[in-house]
N, C-alpha and C. Protein backbone atom coordinates (compact mmCIF):
# COMPACT_ATOMS: atom_id res chain seq x y z
N UNK A 1 52.49 58.89 87.99
CA UNK A 1 53.21 59.21 86.77
C UNK A 1 54.70 58.98 87.02
N UNK A 2 55.34 58.36 86.06
CA UNK A 2 56.78 58.15 86.14
C UNK A 2 57.47 59.17 85.23
N UNK A 3 58.40 59.91 85.79
CA UNK A 3 59.16 60.92 85.04
C UNK A 3 60.59 60.42 84.91
N UNK A 4 61.15 60.55 83.73
CA UNK A 4 62.54 60.15 83.49
C UNK A 4 63.30 61.34 82.92
N UNK A 5 64.59 61.32 83.12
CA UNK A 5 65.50 62.26 82.47
C UNK A 5 66.35 61.40 81.56
N UNK A 6 66.49 61.80 80.30
CA UNK A 6 67.17 60.94 79.34
C UNK A 6 67.84 61.78 78.26
N UNK A 7 68.66 61.10 77.48
CA UNK A 7 69.28 61.75 76.34
C UNK A 7 68.99 60.91 75.10
N UNK A 8 68.73 61.62 74.02
CA UNK A 8 68.54 61.01 72.71
C UNK A 8 69.00 62.04 71.69
N UNK A 9 69.71 61.60 70.68
CA UNK A 9 70.26 62.50 69.66
C UNK A 9 71.08 63.64 70.28
N UNK A 10 71.85 63.30 71.33
CA UNK A 10 72.73 64.26 72.02
C UNK A 10 72.00 65.42 72.68
N UNK A 11 70.72 65.25 72.98
CA UNK A 11 69.96 66.27 73.70
C UNK A 11 69.36 65.65 74.96
N UNK A 12 69.37 66.42 76.04
CA UNK A 12 68.82 65.95 77.31
C UNK A 12 67.37 66.43 77.42
N UNK A 13 66.49 65.52 77.84
CA UNK A 13 65.07 65.81 77.98
C UNK A 13 64.55 65.22 79.28
N UNK A 14 63.41 65.71 79.71
CA UNK A 14 62.58 65.03 80.70
C UNK A 14 61.46 64.37 79.92
N UNK A 15 60.94 63.27 80.45
CA UNK A 15 59.85 62.60 79.76
C UNK A 15 58.96 61.84 80.71
N UNK A 16 57.75 61.56 80.26
CA UNK A 16 56.79 60.75 81.01
C UNK A 16 56.89 59.33 80.48
N UNK A 17 57.13 58.39 81.39
CA UNK A 17 57.28 56.98 81.01
C UNK A 17 55.92 56.29 81.14
N UNK A 18 55.55 55.57 80.07
CA UNK A 18 54.28 54.87 80.07
C UNK A 18 54.48 53.48 79.49
N UNK A 19 53.55 52.60 79.77
CA UNK A 19 53.59 51.26 79.18
C UNK A 19 53.98 50.19 80.17
N UNK A 20 53.73 48.97 79.75
CA UNK A 20 54.04 47.80 80.57
C UNK A 20 55.54 47.54 80.56
N UNK A 21 56.07 46.89 81.61
CA UNK A 21 57.49 46.55 81.63
C UNK A 21 57.90 45.80 80.36
N UNK A 22 58.98 46.28 79.76
CA UNK A 22 59.47 45.69 78.53
C UNK A 22 58.92 46.36 77.28
N UNK A 23 57.87 47.15 77.43
CA UNK A 23 57.27 47.84 76.28
C UNK A 23 57.07 49.33 76.59
N UNK A 24 57.90 49.86 77.48
CA UNK A 24 57.72 51.26 77.87
C UNK A 24 58.10 52.22 76.75
N UNK A 25 57.40 53.35 76.74
CA UNK A 25 57.77 54.47 75.88
C UNK A 25 57.95 55.67 76.77
N UNK A 26 58.65 56.67 76.26
CA UNK A 26 58.84 57.90 77.00
C UNK A 26 58.40 59.05 76.11
N UNK A 27 57.49 59.88 76.62
CA UNK A 27 56.99 61.04 75.90
C UNK A 27 57.76 62.26 76.38
N UNK A 28 58.38 62.97 75.46
CA UNK A 28 59.19 64.15 75.79
C UNK A 28 58.29 65.21 76.42
N UNK A 29 58.78 65.81 77.51
CA UNK A 29 58.07 66.91 78.16
C UNK A 29 58.70 68.24 77.75
N UNK A 30 57.89 69.26 77.67
CA UNK A 30 58.39 70.60 77.36
C UNK A 30 59.01 71.17 78.63
N UNK A 31 60.28 71.54 78.58
CA UNK A 31 60.94 72.18 79.72
C UNK A 31 61.22 71.23 80.86
N UNK A 32 61.43 71.83 82.01
CA UNK A 32 61.77 71.13 83.24
C UNK A 32 60.52 71.03 84.10
N UNK A 33 60.04 69.81 84.39
CA UNK A 33 58.80 69.68 85.14
C UNK A 33 58.83 70.29 86.53
N UNK A 34 60.03 70.52 87.08
CA UNK A 34 60.12 71.20 88.38
C UNK A 34 59.61 72.63 88.27
N UNK A 35 59.92 73.28 87.17
CA UNK A 35 59.60 74.70 87.02
C UNK A 35 58.35 74.96 86.19
N UNK A 36 58.10 74.11 85.20
CA UNK A 36 57.02 74.41 84.27
C UNK A 36 55.85 73.45 84.36
N UNK A 37 55.94 72.44 85.21
CA UNK A 37 54.89 71.43 85.28
C UNK A 37 55.10 70.39 84.20
N UNK A 38 54.18 69.46 84.12
CA UNK A 38 54.27 68.35 83.18
C UNK A 38 53.45 68.69 81.94
N UNK A 39 54.16 68.95 80.82
CA UNK A 39 53.51 69.31 79.57
C UNK A 39 54.07 68.43 78.45
N UNK A 40 53.36 67.34 78.10
CA UNK A 40 53.84 66.44 77.04
C UNK A 40 53.89 67.15 75.69
N UNK A 41 54.91 66.83 74.90
CA UNK A 41 55.05 67.42 73.57
C UNK A 41 54.44 66.54 72.49
N UNK A 42 54.20 65.29 72.79
CA UNK A 42 53.71 64.36 71.78
C UNK A 42 54.83 63.56 71.13
N UNK A 43 56.07 64.00 71.26
CA UNK A 43 57.21 63.27 70.70
C UNK A 43 57.50 62.08 71.60
N UNK A 44 57.54 60.87 71.03
CA UNK A 44 57.73 59.65 71.81
C UNK A 44 58.95 58.88 71.33
N UNK A 45 59.53 58.13 72.29
CA UNK A 45 60.65 57.25 72.00
C UNK A 45 60.43 55.95 72.75
N UNK A 46 60.91 54.85 72.19
CA UNK A 46 60.94 53.61 72.94
C UNK A 46 61.99 53.74 74.03
N UNK A 47 61.73 53.23 75.20
CA UNK A 47 62.67 53.36 76.31
C UNK A 47 64.02 52.73 75.97
N UNK A 48 64.01 51.70 75.14
CA UNK A 48 65.26 51.04 74.74
C UNK A 48 66.07 51.90 73.78
N UNK A 49 65.45 52.93 73.20
CA UNK A 49 66.13 53.78 72.22
C UNK A 49 66.75 55.04 72.83
N UNK A 50 66.63 55.19 74.15
CA UNK A 50 67.18 56.37 74.82
C UNK A 50 68.18 55.92 75.88
N UNK A 51 69.01 56.83 76.33
CA UNK A 51 69.91 56.54 77.45
C UNK A 51 69.34 57.25 78.68
N UNK A 52 68.94 56.46 79.66
CA UNK A 52 68.41 57.05 80.89
C UNK A 52 69.54 57.69 81.68
N UNK A 53 69.24 58.84 82.27
CA UNK A 53 70.19 59.57 83.10
C UNK A 53 69.69 59.55 84.54
N UNK A 54 70.47 60.11 85.43
CA UNK A 54 69.98 60.28 86.80
C UNK A 54 68.67 61.06 86.71
N UNK A 55 67.66 60.70 87.51
CA UNK A 55 66.34 61.32 87.38
C UNK A 55 66.37 62.84 87.54
N UNK A 56 67.21 63.31 88.42
CA UNK A 56 67.36 64.76 88.61
C UNK A 56 68.82 65.03 88.93
N UNK A 57 69.24 66.22 88.66
CA UNK A 57 70.51 66.71 89.17
C UNK A 57 70.12 67.65 90.30
N UNK A 58 70.37 67.25 91.54
CA UNK A 58 69.95 68.09 92.66
C UNK A 58 70.48 69.51 92.51
N UNK A 59 69.64 70.46 92.80
CA UNK A 59 70.02 71.86 92.64
C UNK A 59 70.82 72.38 93.82
N UNK A 60 70.91 71.60 94.88
CA UNK A 60 71.73 72.04 96.00
C UNK A 60 72.49 70.87 96.60
N UNK A 61 71.85 70.06 97.39
CA UNK A 61 72.54 68.99 98.12
C UNK A 61 71.62 67.80 98.28
N UNK A 62 72.20 66.73 98.77
CA UNK A 62 71.43 65.54 99.08
C UNK A 62 71.52 65.35 100.59
N UNK A 63 70.38 65.32 101.25
CA UNK A 63 70.33 65.11 102.69
C UNK A 63 70.06 63.63 102.92
N UNK A 64 70.93 62.98 103.68
CA UNK A 64 70.85 61.54 103.89
C UNK A 64 70.59 61.22 105.36
N UNK A 65 69.97 60.09 105.59
CA UNK A 65 69.74 59.59 106.94
C UNK A 65 70.53 58.30 107.07
N UNK A 66 71.42 58.26 108.06
CA UNK A 66 72.27 57.10 108.25
C UNK A 66 71.78 56.19 109.36
N UNK A 67 72.16 54.95 109.26
CA UNK A 67 71.85 53.91 110.24
C UNK A 67 70.38 53.84 110.60
N UNK A 68 69.54 53.93 109.59
CA UNK A 68 68.10 53.85 109.84
C UNK A 68 67.53 52.47 109.46
N UNK A 69 68.40 51.55 109.10
CA UNK A 69 67.98 50.20 108.73
C UNK A 69 68.61 49.24 109.73
N UNK A 70 67.79 48.70 110.62
CA UNK A 70 68.26 47.91 111.76
C UNK A 70 69.16 46.74 111.36
N UNK A 71 68.77 45.97 110.35
CA UNK A 71 69.57 44.80 109.96
C UNK A 71 70.95 45.20 109.46
N UNK A 72 71.02 46.29 108.68
CA UNK A 72 72.31 46.72 108.14
C UNK A 72 73.20 47.26 109.27
N UNK A 73 72.62 48.01 110.20
CA UNK A 73 73.39 48.51 111.34
C UNK A 73 73.96 47.34 112.14
N UNK A 74 73.14 46.34 112.40
CA UNK A 74 73.60 45.17 113.16
C UNK A 74 74.69 44.42 112.40
N UNK A 75 74.54 44.31 111.09
CA UNK A 75 75.53 43.63 110.26
C UNK A 75 76.90 44.29 110.37
N UNK A 76 76.90 45.60 110.54
CA UNK A 76 78.15 46.35 110.68
C UNK A 76 78.60 46.50 112.13
N UNK A 77 77.82 45.94 113.07
CA UNK A 77 78.17 46.03 114.49
C UNK A 77 77.85 47.39 115.09
N UNK A 78 76.91 48.12 114.50
CA UNK A 78 76.54 49.45 115.00
C UNK A 78 75.20 49.41 115.72
N UNK A 79 75.05 50.28 116.67
CA UNK A 79 73.77 50.47 117.34
C UNK A 79 72.92 51.41 116.51
N UNK A 80 71.59 51.30 116.63
CA UNK A 80 70.72 52.27 115.98
C UNK A 80 70.78 53.57 116.77
N UNK A 81 70.86 54.71 116.10
CA UNK A 81 70.90 55.98 116.83
C UNK A 81 69.53 56.28 117.44
N UNK A 82 69.53 57.06 118.52
CA UNK A 82 68.27 57.42 119.17
C UNK A 82 67.56 58.56 118.45
N UNK A 83 68.28 59.31 117.64
CA UNK A 83 67.67 60.35 116.80
C UNK A 83 68.28 60.23 115.40
N UNK A 84 67.64 60.80 114.39
CA UNK A 84 68.15 60.64 113.02
C UNK A 84 69.60 61.11 112.88
N UNK A 85 70.39 60.30 112.22
CA UNK A 85 71.79 60.63 111.95
C UNK A 85 71.84 61.18 110.52
N UNK A 86 71.93 62.50 110.38
CA UNK A 86 71.89 63.15 109.08
C UNK A 86 73.30 63.46 108.57
N UNK A 87 73.47 63.34 107.25
CA UNK A 87 74.71 63.76 106.61
C UNK A 87 74.37 64.21 105.20
N UNK A 88 75.30 64.89 104.55
CA UNK A 88 75.07 65.44 103.22
C UNK A 88 75.97 64.77 102.19
N UNK A 89 75.49 64.76 100.97
CA UNK A 89 76.27 64.32 99.81
C UNK A 89 76.22 65.46 98.80
N UNK A 90 77.28 65.65 98.02
CA UNK A 90 77.22 66.68 96.98
C UNK A 90 76.34 66.22 95.82
N UNK A 91 75.80 67.18 95.08
CA UNK A 91 74.94 66.79 93.95
C UNK A 91 75.71 66.03 92.88
N UNK A 92 77.03 66.12 92.88
CA UNK A 92 77.84 65.39 91.91
C UNK A 92 77.91 63.89 92.23
N UNK A 93 77.37 63.47 93.37
CA UNK A 93 77.41 62.05 93.72
C UNK A 93 76.28 61.25 93.07
N UNK A 94 75.40 61.92 92.35
CA UNK A 94 74.27 61.25 91.71
C UNK A 94 74.73 60.59 90.42
N UNK A 95 74.34 59.34 90.22
CA UNK A 95 74.68 58.60 88.99
C UNK A 95 73.40 58.06 88.38
N UNK A 96 73.41 57.89 87.09
CA UNK A 96 72.25 57.36 86.39
C UNK A 96 72.25 55.84 86.35
N UNK A 97 71.15 55.24 85.88
CA UNK A 97 71.08 53.79 85.78
C UNK A 97 72.17 53.24 84.87
N UNK A 98 72.92 52.28 85.36
CA UNK A 98 73.97 51.67 84.55
C UNK A 98 75.25 52.47 84.47
N UNK A 99 75.27 53.69 85.05
CA UNK A 99 76.50 54.48 85.03
C UNK A 99 77.54 53.85 85.96
N UNK A 100 78.82 53.97 85.62
CA UNK A 100 79.84 53.40 86.50
C UNK A 100 79.96 54.22 87.79
N UNK A 101 80.29 53.54 88.85
CA UNK A 101 80.57 54.19 90.13
C UNK A 101 82.07 54.08 90.33
N UNK A 102 82.74 55.21 90.34
CA UNK A 102 84.20 55.22 90.46
C UNK A 102 84.58 55.34 91.92
N UNK A 103 85.37 54.39 92.38
CA UNK A 103 85.83 54.39 93.77
C UNK A 103 87.24 54.94 93.84
N UNK A 104 87.54 55.70 94.90
CA UNK A 104 88.91 56.19 95.07
C UNK A 104 89.89 55.01 95.19
N UNK A 105 91.11 55.20 94.72
CA UNK A 105 92.10 54.13 94.74
C UNK A 105 92.43 53.69 96.17
N UNK A 106 92.25 54.56 97.14
CA UNK A 106 92.59 54.24 98.52
C UNK A 106 91.46 53.51 99.25
N UNK A 107 90.34 53.26 98.59
CA UNK A 107 89.20 52.61 99.22
C UNK A 107 89.55 51.18 99.61
N UNK A 108 89.30 50.83 100.87
CA UNK A 108 89.56 49.48 101.35
C UNK A 108 88.28 48.70 101.61
N UNK A 109 87.20 49.41 101.92
CA UNK A 109 85.95 48.72 102.23
C UNK A 109 84.80 49.54 101.65
N UNK A 110 83.95 48.87 100.91
CA UNK A 110 82.79 49.53 100.32
C UNK A 110 81.55 48.82 100.80
N UNK A 111 80.61 49.57 101.33
CA UNK A 111 79.34 49.01 101.77
C UNK A 111 78.28 49.47 100.78
N UNK A 112 77.72 48.54 100.06
CA UNK A 112 76.70 48.90 99.08
C UNK A 112 75.33 48.55 99.64
N UNK A 113 74.35 49.30 99.25
CA UNK A 113 72.98 49.04 99.67
C UNK A 113 72.05 49.83 98.77
N UNK A 114 70.81 49.44 98.73
CA UNK A 114 69.81 50.17 97.96
C UNK A 114 69.38 51.41 98.74
N UNK A 115 69.04 52.44 98.03
CA UNK A 115 68.60 53.67 98.69
C UNK A 115 67.28 54.14 98.08
N UNK A 116 66.43 54.70 98.90
CA UNK A 116 65.21 55.35 98.46
C UNK A 116 65.45 56.84 98.57
N UNK A 117 65.17 57.56 97.50
CA UNK A 117 65.34 59.02 97.51
C UNK A 117 63.98 59.68 97.36
N UNK A 118 63.74 60.67 98.17
CA UNK A 118 62.54 61.49 98.06
C UNK A 118 62.97 62.78 97.38
N UNK A 119 62.32 63.11 96.27
CA UNK A 119 62.68 64.31 95.51
C UNK A 119 61.73 65.43 95.96
N UNK A 120 62.31 66.45 96.60
CA UNK A 120 61.52 67.60 97.06
C UNK A 120 61.42 68.57 95.89
N UNK A 121 60.21 68.98 95.58
CA UNK A 121 59.97 69.77 94.38
C UNK A 121 59.98 71.26 94.56
N UNK A 122 60.17 71.76 95.78
CA UNK A 122 60.21 73.22 95.97
C UNK A 122 60.90 73.54 97.29
N UNK A 123 61.27 74.79 97.45
CA UNK A 123 61.91 75.23 98.69
C UNK A 123 60.92 75.05 99.84
N UNK A 124 61.41 74.51 100.96
CA UNK A 124 60.52 74.33 102.11
C UNK A 124 61.36 74.15 103.37
N UNK A 125 60.70 74.30 104.50
CA UNK A 125 61.35 74.11 105.79
C UNK A 125 60.27 73.82 106.83
N UNK A 126 60.58 72.89 107.75
CA UNK A 126 59.67 72.56 108.84
C UNK A 126 58.25 72.28 108.34
N UNK A 127 58.13 71.40 107.37
CA UNK A 127 56.84 71.08 106.77
C UNK A 127 56.06 70.15 107.70
N UNK A 128 54.84 70.54 108.10
CA UNK A 128 54.03 69.64 108.94
C UNK A 128 53.70 68.37 108.17
N UNK A 129 53.58 67.26 108.88
CA UNK A 129 53.36 65.95 108.26
C UNK A 129 52.18 65.99 107.28
N UNK A 130 51.10 66.64 107.65
CA UNK A 130 49.91 66.64 106.79
C UNK A 130 50.11 67.42 105.49
N UNK A 131 51.18 68.23 105.39
CA UNK A 131 51.43 69.01 104.17
C UNK A 131 52.60 68.46 103.34
N UNK A 132 53.19 67.36 103.77
CA UNK A 132 54.31 66.77 103.04
C UNK A 132 53.98 66.49 101.57
N UNK A 133 52.79 65.95 101.25
CA UNK A 133 52.49 65.69 99.83
C UNK A 133 52.57 66.94 98.95
N UNK A 134 52.43 68.12 99.52
CA UNK A 134 52.49 69.36 98.74
C UNK A 134 53.91 69.67 98.27
N UNK A 135 54.93 69.14 98.93
CA UNK A 135 56.32 69.49 98.57
C UNK A 135 57.09 68.34 97.94
N UNK A 136 56.52 67.12 98.00
CA UNK A 136 57.22 65.97 97.41
C UNK A 136 56.89 65.89 95.93
N UNK A 137 57.95 65.96 95.08
CA UNK A 137 57.75 65.84 93.63
C UNK A 137 57.65 64.38 93.23
N UNK A 138 58.43 63.53 93.91
CA UNK A 138 58.39 62.11 93.59
C UNK A 138 59.43 61.34 94.36
N UNK A 139 59.64 60.09 93.93
CA UNK A 139 60.57 59.19 94.59
C UNK A 139 61.42 58.50 93.54
N UNK A 140 62.59 58.08 93.93
CA UNK A 140 63.43 57.28 93.05
C UNK A 140 64.28 56.36 93.90
N UNK A 141 64.84 55.34 93.28
CA UNK A 141 65.71 54.42 94.02
C UNK A 141 67.14 54.60 93.54
């Protein structure tokens, strides 16, 4: 199931996206699927008729893994770390599809790349590998 966060008629909603590429519709969900589950309301919109937003606004922070892509590390002249290189981003760093990315005026070098985000759907810690599917709400790019 594909879940989107969007605005239409100046209201923000979550919705379930269905349909073939180019003909997608989004069905409005009741409430926030993180807290209330996925409950379609029956109200539908064409995907072209809504403004897509960032899929979620993180409720705390974004945990990132750096230098985990060998080709990109080599391109920058960096070695791959022997253990995960973790860093945090504030939840305000999330942007929606097509939203502008504002760079500080002092920026001299920007490295852009695609990112895969795993959306954790509940509080958890030290989750064993076999139980990971229980805490993952979904993925986004």
